[in-house]
Each structure stands twice: as C-alpha cells, then as structure tokens.
Amino acid sequence: MPYISDKKTRQRIDHMLEANLDILQPNGNINYMLFKLFRMLTQNRLMSYNRAKEFIGELECAKLEIVRRPLSEYENKKMKENGDVD
C-alpha cells in the first residue's frame, strides 16, 4: 500500500514528482524512469533475484492500488451512468 508515515519523506517525494510532472507522462517516460530507478538501486549492489522480486512487488502493489481506488471509482461511476452489464 502506498502510504508513507514519515511526513518529511512523503513531502520530498511529492515535491520531486510535482517538479517533474511535465515529463512524467505515460508515453514511455514512466517506463524509462522505473527501469532507470531499478538500475540505479541495484548498480552499486550485487544484483539478486530477491532485489528484483522486491522491486517487482512494489510495481505490482502500485498497479493493484490504481485498480482498487481510482479505476474502480471510475468504473462504478460509468456503470451507474450507462447501466450494468445484463
């Protein structure tokens, strides 16, 4: 779950993202950023299956949270507007 209890860390991440929102778009740039982040996190340490698995787990959990919250809300709204599948 994407909830960070340390307010200073959350503010630093939010500031970094807001400052770069113009280039962080789902047009390949986010894919590049995530892969580059993975490479940077594993560059000075030996690559291991567990490190890759943990990073993939972070990606998967972020994906699931997008489905669980904003996408589900959108789908429920559209179902009410257009009617449910019979």
PDB file of N, CA and C in Angstrom:
ATOM      1  N   MET A   1       0.844  -1.177   0.000  1.00  0.00           N
ATOM      2  CA  MET A   1       0.000   0.000   0.000  1.00  0.00           C
ATOM      3  C   MET A   1       0.884   1.233   0.000  1.00  0.00           C
ATOM      4  N   PRO A   2       0.474   2.261  -0.695  1.00  0.00           N
ATOM      5  CA  PRO A   2       1.351   3.417  -0.917  1.00  0.00           C
ATOM      6  C   PRO A   2       1.253   4.494   0.164  1.00  0.00           C
ATOM      7  N   TYR A   3       1.226   4.089   1.393  1.00  0.00           N
ATOM      8  CA  TYR A   3       1.068   5.064   2.462  1.00  0.00           C
ATOM      9  C   TYR A   3       2.368   5.177   3.233  1.00  0.00           C
ATOM     10  N   ILE A   4       2.933   6.375   3.249  1.00  0.00           N
ATOM     11  CA  ILE A   4       4.214   6.628   3.909  1.00  0.00           C
ATOM     12  C   ILE A   4       3.922   7.408   5.176  1.00  0.00           C
ATOM     13  N   SER A   5       4.312   6.843   6.313  1.00  0.00           N
ATOM     14  CA  SER A   5       4.012   7.511   7.582  1.00  0.00           C
ATOM     15  C   SER A   5       4.965   8.671   7.866  1.00  0.00           C
ATOM     16  N   ASP A   6       6.172   8.622   7.329  1.00  0.00           N
ATOM     17  CA  ASP A   6       7.144   9.697   7.546  1.00  0.00           C
ATOM     18  C   ASP A   6       6.772  10.883   6.651  1.00  0.00           C
ATOM     19  N   LYS A   7       6.244  11.936   7.269  1.00  0.00           N
ATOM     20  CA  LYS A   7       5.736  13.090   6.518  1.00  0.00           C
ATOM     21  C   LYS A   7       6.829  13.787   5.710  1.00  0.00           C
ATOM     22  N   LYS A   8       8.049  13.852   6.237  1.00  0.00           N
ATOM     23  CA  LYS A   8       9.133  14.512   5.508  1.00  0.00           C
ATOM     24  C   LYS A   8       9.488  13.742   4.243  1.00  0.00           C
ATOM     25  N   THR A   9       9.513  12.434   4.340  1.00  0.00           N
ATOM     26  CA  THR A   9       9.797  11.614   3.160  1.00  0.00           C
ATOM     27  C   THR A   9       8.703  11.788   2.129  1.00  0.00           C
ATOM     28  N   ARG A  10       7.465  11.768   2.569  1.00  0.00           N
ATOM     29  CA  ARG A  10       6.327  11.958   1.662  1.00  0.00           C
ATOM     30  C   ARG A  10       6.424  13.310   0.966  1.00  0.00           C
ATOM     31  N   GLN A  11       6.751  14.369   1.717  1.00  0.00           N
ATOM     32  CA  GLN A  11       6.866  15.700   1.133  1.00  0.00           C
ATOM     33  C   GLN A  11       7.999  15.767   0.114  1.00  0.00           C
ATOM     34  N   ARG A  12       9.128  15.126   0.403  1.00  0.00           N
ATOM     35  CA  ARG A  12      10.256  15.119  -0.542  1.00  0.00           C
ATOM     36  C   ARG A  12       9.875  14.418  -1.841  1.00  0.00           C
ATOM     37  N   ILE A  13       9.193  13.280  -1.723  1.00  0.00           N
ATOM     38  CA  ILE A  13       8.771  12.538  -2.918  1.00  0.00           C
ATOM     39  C   ILE A  13       7.752  13.349  -3.698  1.00  0.00           C
ATOM     40  N   ASP A  14       6.761  13.910  -3.001  1.00  0.00           N
ATOM     41  CA  ASP A  14       5.734  14.714  -3.670  1.00  0.00           C
ATOM     42  C   ASP A  14       6.358  15.899  -4.408  1.00  0.00           C
ATOM     43  N   HIS A  15       7.302  16.576  -3.772  1.00  0.00           N
ATOM     44  CA  HIS A  15       7.962  17.729  -4.397  1.00  0.00           C
ATOM     45  C   HIS A  15       8.719  17.293  -5.657  1.00  0.00           C
ATOM     46  N   MET A  16       9.435  16.184  -5.570  1.00  0.00           N
ATOM     47  CA  MET A  16      10.194  15.678  -6.711  1.00  0.00           C
ATOM     48  C   MET A  16       9.246  15.367  -7.876  1.00  0.00           C
ATOM     49  N   LEU A  17       8.126  14.720  -7.584  1.00  0.00           N
ATOM     50  CA  LEU A  17       7.176  14.370  -8.637  1.00  0.00           C
ATOM     51  C   LEU A  17       6.512  15.607  -9.229  1.00  0.00           C
ATOM     52  N   GLU A  18       6.072  16.527  -8.377  1.00  0.00           N
ATOM     53  CA  GLU A  18       5.419  17.749  -8.859  1.00  0.00           C
ATOM     54  C   GLU A  18       6.356  18.580  -9.726  1.00  0.00           C
ATOM     55  N   ALA A  19       7.630  18.608  -9.374  1.00  0.00           N
ATOM     56  CA  ALA A  19       8.606  19.392 -10.136  1.00  0.00           C
ATOM     57  C   ALA A  19       8.865  18.786 -11.518  1.00  0.00           C
ATOM     58  N   ASN A  20       8.535  17.511 -11.696  1.00  0.00           N
ATOM     59  CA  ASN A  20       8.816  16.823 -12.960  1.00  0.00           C
ATOM     60  C   ASN A  20       7.562  16.270 -13.632  1.00  0.00           C
ATOM     61  N   LEU A  21       6.410  16.741 -13.216  1.00  0.00           N
ATOM     62  CA  LEU A  21       5.151  16.216 -13.734  1.00  0.00           C
ATOM     63  C   LEU A  21       5.029  16.382 -15.243  1.00  0.00           C
ATOM     64  N   ASP A  22       5.617  17.432 -15.786  1.00  0.00           N
ATOM     65  CA  ASP A  22       5.509  17.672 -17.227  1.00  0.00           C
ATOM     66  C   ASP A  22       6.162  16.568 -18.057  1.00  0.00           C
ATOM     67  N   ILE A  23       7.187  15.891 -17.523  1.00  0.00           N
ATOM     68  CA  ILE A  23       7.840  14.819 -18.289  1.00  0.00           C
ATOM     69  C   ILE A  23       7.444  13.431 -17.809  1.00  0.00           C
ATOM     70  N   LEU A  24       6.824  13.331 -16.646  1.00  0.00           N
ATOM     71  CA  LEU A  24       6.408  12.024 -16.131  1.00  0.00           C
ATOM     72  C   LEU A  24       5.024  11.682 -16.666  1.00  0.00           C
ATOM     73  N   GLN A  25       4.976  11.329 -17.923  1.00  0.00           N
ATOM     74  CA  GLN A  25       3.733  11.011 -18.608  1.00  0.00           C
ATOM     75  C   GLN A  25       3.781   9.565 -19.090  1.00  0.00           C
ATOM     76  N   PRO A  26       2.600   8.913 -19.205  1.00  0.00           N
ATOM     77  CA  PRO A  26       2.564   7.524 -19.648  1.00  0.00           C
ATOM     78  C   PRO A  26       2.753   7.387 -21.161  1.00  0.00           C
ATOM     79  N   ASN A  27       3.879   7.876 -21.651  1.00  0.00           N
ATOM     80  CA  ASN A  27       4.209   7.794 -23.071  1.00  0.00           C
ATOM     81  C   ASN A  27       5.557   7.117 -23.277  1.00  0.00           C
ATOM     82  N   GLY A  28       5.931   6.302 -22.312  1.00  0.00           N
ATOM     83  CA  GLY A  28       7.250   5.669 -22.318  1.00  0.00           C
ATOM     84  C   GLY A  28       8.170   6.267 -21.270  1.00  0.00           C
ATOM     85  N   ASN A  29       7.908   7.505 -20.875  1.00  0.00           N
ATOM     86  CA  ASN A  29       8.776   8.168 -19.900  1.00  0.00           C
ATOM     87  C   ASN A  29       8.699   7.516 -18.520  1.00  0.00           C
ATOM     88  N   ILE A  30       7.506   7.122 -18.098  1.00  0.00           N
ATOM     89  CA  ILE A  30       7.378   6.474 -16.788  1.00  0.00           C
ATOM     90  C   ILE A  30       8.063   5.115 -16.823  1.00  0.00           C
ATOM     91  N   ASN A  31       7.902   4.398 -17.925  1.00  0.00           N
ATOM     92  CA  ASN A  31       8.569   3.107 -18.079  1.00  0.00           C
ATOM     93  C   ASN A  31      10.081   3.289 -17.957  1.00  0.00           C
ATOM     94  N   TYR A  32      10.618   4.278 -18.675  1.00  0.00           N
ATOM     95  CA  TYR A  32      12.051   4.572 -18.602  1.00  0.00           C
ATOM     96  C   TYR A  32      12.454   4.898 -17.171  1.00  0.00           C
ATOM     97  N   MET A  33      11.676   5.768 -16.514  1.00  0.00           N
ATOM     98  CA  MET A  33      12.006   6.192 -15.161  1.00  0.00           C
ATOM     99  C   MET A  33      12.047   5.006 -14.202  1.00  0.00           C
ATOM    100  N   LEU A  34      11.063   4.129 -14.299  1.00  0.00           N
ATOM    101  CA  LEU A  34      11.019   2.978 -13.392  1.00  0.00           C
ATOM    102  C   LEU A  34      12.182   2.027 -13.639  1.00  0.00           C
ATOM    103  N   PHE A  35      12.491   1.769 -14.911  1.00  0.00           N
ATOM    104  CA  PHE A  35      13.615   0.880 -15.209  1.00  0.00           C
ATOM    105  C   PHE A  35      14.938   1.513 -14.773  1.00  0.00           C
ATOM    106  N   LYS A  36      15.087   2.800 -15.027  1.00  0.00           N
ATOM    107  CA  LYS A  36      16.302   3.519 -14.615  1.00  0.00           C
ATOM    108  C   LYS A  36      16.432   3.505 -13.093  1.00  0.00           C
ATOM    109  N   LEU A  37      15.334   3.700 -12.388  1.00  0.00           N
ATOM    110  CA  LEU A  37      15.353   3.644 -10.929  1.00  0.00           C
ATOM    111  C   LEU A  37      15.815   2.271 -10.457  1.00  0.00           C
ATOM    112  N   PHE A  38      15.278   1.231 -11.076  1.00  0.00           N
ATOM    113  CA  PHE A  38      15.710  -0.121 -10.724  1.00  0.00           C
ATOM    114  C   PHE A  38      17.207  -0.291 -10.951  1.00  0.00           C
ATOM    115  N   ARG A  39      17.700   0.163 -12.102  1.00  0.00           N
ATOM    116  CA  ARG A  39      19.133   0.043 -12.403  1.00  0.00           C
ATOM    117  C   ARG A  39      19.970   0.826 -11.396  1.00  0.00           C
ATOM    118  N   MET A  40      19.514   2.010 -11.035  1.00  0.00           N
ATOM    119  CA  MET A  40      20.258   2.830 -10.074  1.00  0.00           C
ATOM    120  C   MET A  40      20.274   2.176  -8.689  1.00  0.00           C
ATOM    121  N   LEU A  41      19.161   1.599  -8.285  1.00  0.00           N
ATOM    122  CA  LEU A  41      19.084   0.957  -6.972  1.00  0.00           C
ATOM    123  C   LEU A  41      19.944  -0.297  -6.881  1.00  0.00           C
ATOM    124  N   THR A  42      20.175  -0.945  -8.003  1.00  0.00           N
ATOM    125  CA  THR A  42      20.956  -2.192  -7.987  1.00  0.00           C
ATOM    126  C   THR A  42      22.366  -2.002  -8.530  1.00  0.00           C
ATOM    127  N   GLN A  43      22.712  -0.812  -8.990  1.00  0.00           N
ATOM    128  CA  GLN A  43      24.007  -0.560  -9.623  1.00  0.00           C
ATOM    129  C   GLN A  43      25.176  -0.783  -8.668  1.00  0.00           C
ATOM    130  N   ASN A  44      25.102  -0.261  -7.471  1.00  0.00           N
ATOM    131  CA  ASN A  44      26.221  -0.351  -6.536  1.00  0.00           C
ATOM    132  C   ASN A  44      26.154  -1.587  -5.653  1.00  0.00           C
ATOM    133  N   ARG A  45      25.109  -2.362  -5.809  1.00  0.00           N
ATOM    134  CA  ARG A  45      24.974  -3.611  -5.064  1.00  0.00           C
ATOM    135  C   ARG A  45      24.921  -4.746  -6.067  1.00  0.00           C
ATOM    136  N   LEU A  46      25.236  -5.913  -5.604  1.00  0.00           N
ATOM    137  CA  LEU A  46      25.105  -7.049  -6.496  1.00  0.00           C
ATOM    138  C   LEU A  46      23.638  -7.299  -6.801  1.00  0.00           C
ATOM    139  N   MET A  47      23.365  -7.519  -8.058  1.00  0.00           N
ATOM    140  CA  MET A  47      22.012  -7.850  -8.469  1.00  0.00           C
ATOM    141  C   MET A  47      21.653  -9.205  -7.875  1.00  0.00           C
ATOM    142  N   SER A  48      20.443  -9.305  -7.381  1.00  0.00           N
ATOM    143  CA  SER A  48      19.986 -10.590  -6.862  1.00  0.00           C
ATOM    144  C   SER A  48      18.527 -10.791  -7.243  1.00  0.00           C
ATOM    145  N   TYR A  49      18.124 -12.025  -7.226  1.00  0.00           N
ATOM    146  CA  TYR A  49      16.734 -12.358  -7.520  1.00  0.00           C
ATOM    147  C   TYR A  49      15.812 -11.666  -6.515  1.00  0.00           C
ATOM    148  N   ASN A  50      16.204 -11.674  -5.243  1.00  0.00           N
ATOM    149  CA  ASN A  50      15.353 -11.062  -4.212  1.00  0.00           C
ATOM    150  C   ASN A  50      15.182  -9.565  -4.420  1.00  0.00           C
ATOM    151  N   ARG A  51      16.236  -8.862  -4.806  1.00  0.00           N
ATOM    152  CA  ARG A  51      16.108  -7.413  -5.055  1.00  0.00           C
ATOM    153  C   ARG A  51      15.155  -7.148  -6.218  1.00  0.00           C
ATOM    154  N   ALA A  52      15.299  -7.939  -7.280  1.00  0.00           N
ATOM    155  CA  ALA A  52      14.402  -7.776  -8.424  1.00  0.00           C
ATOM    156  C   ALA A  52      12.971  -8.114  -8.025  1.00  0.00           C
ATOM    157  N   LYS A  53      12.814  -9.186  -7.267  1.00  0.00           N
ATOM    158  CA  LYS A  53      11.482  -9.619  -6.823  1.00  0.00           C
ATOM    159  C   LYS A  53      10.826  -8.543  -5.959  1.00  0.00           C
ATOM    160  N   GLU A  54      11.585  -7.934  -5.065  1.00  0.00           N
ATOM    161  CA  GLU A  54      11.036  -6.883  -4.208  1.00  0.00           C
ATOM    162  C   GLU A  54      10.613  -5.664  -5.026  1.00  0.00           C
ATOM    163  N   PHE A  55      11.422  -5.294  -6.004  1.00  0.00           N
ATOM    164  CA  PHE A  55      11.079  -4.149  -6.846  1.00  0.00           C
ATOM    165  C   PHE A  55       9.818  -4.446  -7.652  1.00  0.00           C
ATOM    166  N   ILE A  56       9.745  -5.641  -8.224  1.00  0.00           N
ATOM    167  CA  ILE A  56       8.558  -6.034  -8.987  1.00  0.00           C
ATOM    168  C   ILE A  56       7.335  -6.051  -8.072  1.00  0.00           C
ATOM    169  N   GLY A  57       7.507  -6.470  -6.842  1.00  0.00           N
ATOM    170  CA  GLY A  57       6.406  -6.442  -5.880  1.00  0.00           C
ATOM    171  C   GLY A  57       5.901  -5.031  -5.635  1.00  0.00           C
ATOM    172  N   GLU A  58       6.816  -4.063  -5.560  1.00  0.00           N
ATOM    173  CA  GLU A  58       6.422  -2.660  -5.405  1.00  0.00           C
ATOM    174  C   GLU A  58       5.597  -2.202  -6.606  1.00  0.00           C
ATOM    175  N   LEU A  59       6.054  -2.568  -7.807  1.00  0.00           N
ATOM    176  CA  LEU A  59       5.317  -2.200  -9.020  1.00  0.00           C
ATOM    177  C   LEU A  59       3.930  -2.837  -9.030  1.00  0.00           C
ATOM    178  N   GLU A  60       3.866  -4.110  -8.687  1.00  0.00           N
ATOM    179  CA  GLU A  60       2.596  -4.829  -8.693  1.00  0.00           C
ATOM    180  C   GLU A  60       1.620  -4.233  -7.680  1.00  0.00           C
ATOM    181  N   CYS A  61       2.111  -3.900  -6.502  1.00  0.00           N
ATOM    182  CA  CYS A  61       1.240  -3.304  -5.483  1.00  0.00           C
ATOM    183  C   CYS A  61       0.744  -1.929  -5.913  1.00  0.00           C
ATOM    184  N   ALA A  62       1.600  -1.150  -6.571  1.00  0.00           N
ATOM    185  CA  ALA A  62       1.165   0.151  -7.082  1.00  0.00           C
ATOM    186  C   ALA A  62       0.080  -0.040  -8.138  1.00  0.00           C
ATOM    187  N   LYS A  63       0.257  -1.021  -9.026  1.00  0.00           N
ATOM    188  CA  LYS A  63      -0.744  -1.322 -10.049  1.00  0.00           C
ATOM    189  C   LYS A  63      -2.072  -1.698  -9.405  1.00  0.00           C
ATOM    190  N   LEU A  64      -2.016  -2.566  -8.412  1.00  0.00           N
ATOM    191  CA  LEU A  64      -3.241  -3.005  -7.748  1.00  0.00           C
ATOM    192  C   LEU A  64      -3.947  -1.858  -7.032  1.00  0.00           C
ATOM    193  N   GLU A  65      -3.180  -0.937  -6.479  1.00  0.00           N
ATOM    194  CA  GLU A  65      -3.790   0.210  -5.794  1.00  0.00           C
ATOM    195  C   GLU A  65      -4.474   1.136  -6.790  1.00  0.00           C
ATOM    196  N   ILE A  66      -3.917   1.259  -7.992  1.00  0.00           N
ATOM    197  CA  ILE A  66      -4.556   2.057  -9.046  1.00  0.00           C
ATOM    198  C   ILE A  66      -5.876   1.411  -9.446  1.00  0.00           C
ATOM    199  N   VAL A  67      -5.882   0.087  -9.566  1.00  0.00           N
ATOM    200  CA  VAL A  67      -7.116  -0.624  -9.911  1.00  0.00           C
ATOM    201  C   VAL A  67      -8.126  -0.505  -8.782  1.00  0.00           C
ATOM    202  N   ARG A  68      -7.662  -0.665  -7.545  1.00  0.00           N
ATOM    203  CA  ARG A  68      -8.554  -0.683  -6.394  1.00  0.00           C
ATOM    204  C   ARG A  68      -9.232   0.655  -6.146  1.00  0.00           C
ATOM    205  N   ARG A  69      -8.502   1.744  -6.318  1.00  0.00           N
ATOM    206  CA  ARG A  69      -9.078   3.039  -5.964  1.00  0.00           C
ATOM    207  C   ARG A  69      -9.566   3.844  -7.156  1.00  0.00           C
ATOM    208  N   PRO A  70      -8.700   4.541  -7.907  1.00  0.00           N
ATOM    209  CA  PRO A  70      -9.247   5.424  -8.950  1.00  0.00           C
ATOM    210  C   PRO A  70      -9.963   4.686 -10.079  1.00  0.00           C
ATOM    211  N   LEU A  71      -9.452   3.541 -10.512  1.00  0.00           N
ATOM    212  CA  LEU A  71     -10.100   2.849 -11.622  1.00  0.00           C
ATOM    213  C   LEU A  71     -11.444   2.262 -11.207  1.00  0.00           C
ATOM    214  N   SER A  72     -11.515   1.684 -10.012  1.00  0.00           N
ATOM    215  CA  SER A  72     -12.786   1.142  -9.533  1.00  0.00           C
ATOM    216  C   SER A  72     -13.830   2.241  -9.361  1.00  0.00           C
ATOM    217  N   GLU A  73     -13.417   3.387  -8.833  1.00  0.00           N
ATOM    218  CA  GLU A  73     -14.344   4.513  -8.686  1.00  0.00           C
ATOM    219  C   GLU A  73     -14.863   4.955 -10.045  1.00  0.00           C
ATOM    220  N   TYR A  74     -13.973   5.035 -11.020  1.00  0.00           N
ATOM    221  CA  TYR A  74     -14.366   5.431 -12.379  1.00  0.00           C
ATOM    222  C   TYR A  74     -15.341   4.418 -12.971  1.00  0.00           C
ATOM    223  N   GLU A  75     -15.013   3.129 -12.848  1.00  0.00           N
ATOM    224  CA  GLU A  75     -15.877   2.077 -13.391  1.00  0.00           C
ATOM    225  C   GLU A  75     -17.254   2.082 -12.729  1.00  0.00           C
ATOM    226  N   ASN A  76     -17.305   2.274 -11.420  1.00  0.00           N
ATOM    227  CA  ASN A  76     -18.600   2.334 -10.724  1.00  0.00           C
ATOM    228  C   ASN A  76     -19.430   3.523 -11.197  1.00  0.00           C
ATOM    229  N   LYS A  77     -18.779   4.657 -11.416  1.00  0.00           N
ATOM    230  CA  LYS A  77     -19.474   5.843 -11.901  1.00  0.00           C
ATOM    231  C   LYS A  77     -20.063   5.567 -13.286  1.00  0.00           C
ATOM    232  N   LYS A  78     -19.268   4.973 -14.164  1.00  0.00           N
ATOM    233  CA  LYS A  78     -19.728   4.683 -15.526  1.00  0.00           C
ATOM    234  C   LYS A  78     -20.837   3.629 -15.533  1.00  0.00           C
ATOM    235  N   MET A  79     -20.764   2.673 -14.622  1.00  0.00           N
ATOM    236  CA  MET A  79     -21.814   1.660 -14.524  1.00  0.00           C
ATOM    237  C   MET A  79     -23.148   2.316 -14.147  1.00  0.00           C
ATOM    238  N   LYS A  80     -23.097   3.257 -13.219  1.00  0.00           N
ATOM    239  CA  LYS A  80     -24.321   3.960 -12.826  1.00  0.00           C
ATOM    240  C   LYS A  80     -24.852   4.812 -13.957  1.00  0.00           C
ATOM    241  N   GLU A  81     -23.945   5.473 -14.688  1.00  0.00           N
ATOM    242  CA  GLU A  81     -24.366   6.333 -15.804  1.00  0.00           C
ATOM    243  C   GLU A  81     -24.942   5.530 -16.970  1.00  0.00           C
ATOM    244  N   ASN A  82     -24.313   4.412 -17.289  1.00  0.00           N
ATOM    245  CA  ASN A  82     -24.655   3.682 -18.507  1.00  0.00           C
ATOM    246  C   ASN A  82     -25.415   2.387 -18.281  1.00  0.00           C
ATOM    247  N   GLY A  83     -25.545   1.980 -17.032  1.00  0.00           N
ATOM    248  CA  GLY A  83     -26.210   0.725 -16.723  1.00  0.00           C
ATOM    249  C   GLY A  83     -25.223  -0.427 -16.657  1.00  0.00           C
ATOM    250  N   ASP A  84     -25.565  -1.401 -15.845  1.00  0.00           N
ATOM    251  CA  ASP A  84     -24.719  -2.571 -15.642  1.00  0.00           C
ATOM    252  C   ASP A  84     -24.851  -3.534 -16.807  1.00  0.00           C
ATOM    253  N   VAL A  85     -23.921  -4.439 -16.923  1.00  0.00           N
ATOM    254  CA  VAL A  85     -23.971  -5.488 -17.939  1.00  0.00           C
ATOM    255  C   VAL A  85     -25.062  -6.479 -17.553  1.00  0.00           C
ATOM    256  N   ASP A  86     -25.932  -6.806 -18.485  1.00  0.00           N
ATOM    257  CA  ASP A  86     -27.020  -7.752 -18.201  1.00  0.00           C
ATOM    258  C   ASP A  86     -26.528  -9.173 -18.289  1.00  0.00           C
TER     259      ASP A  86
END
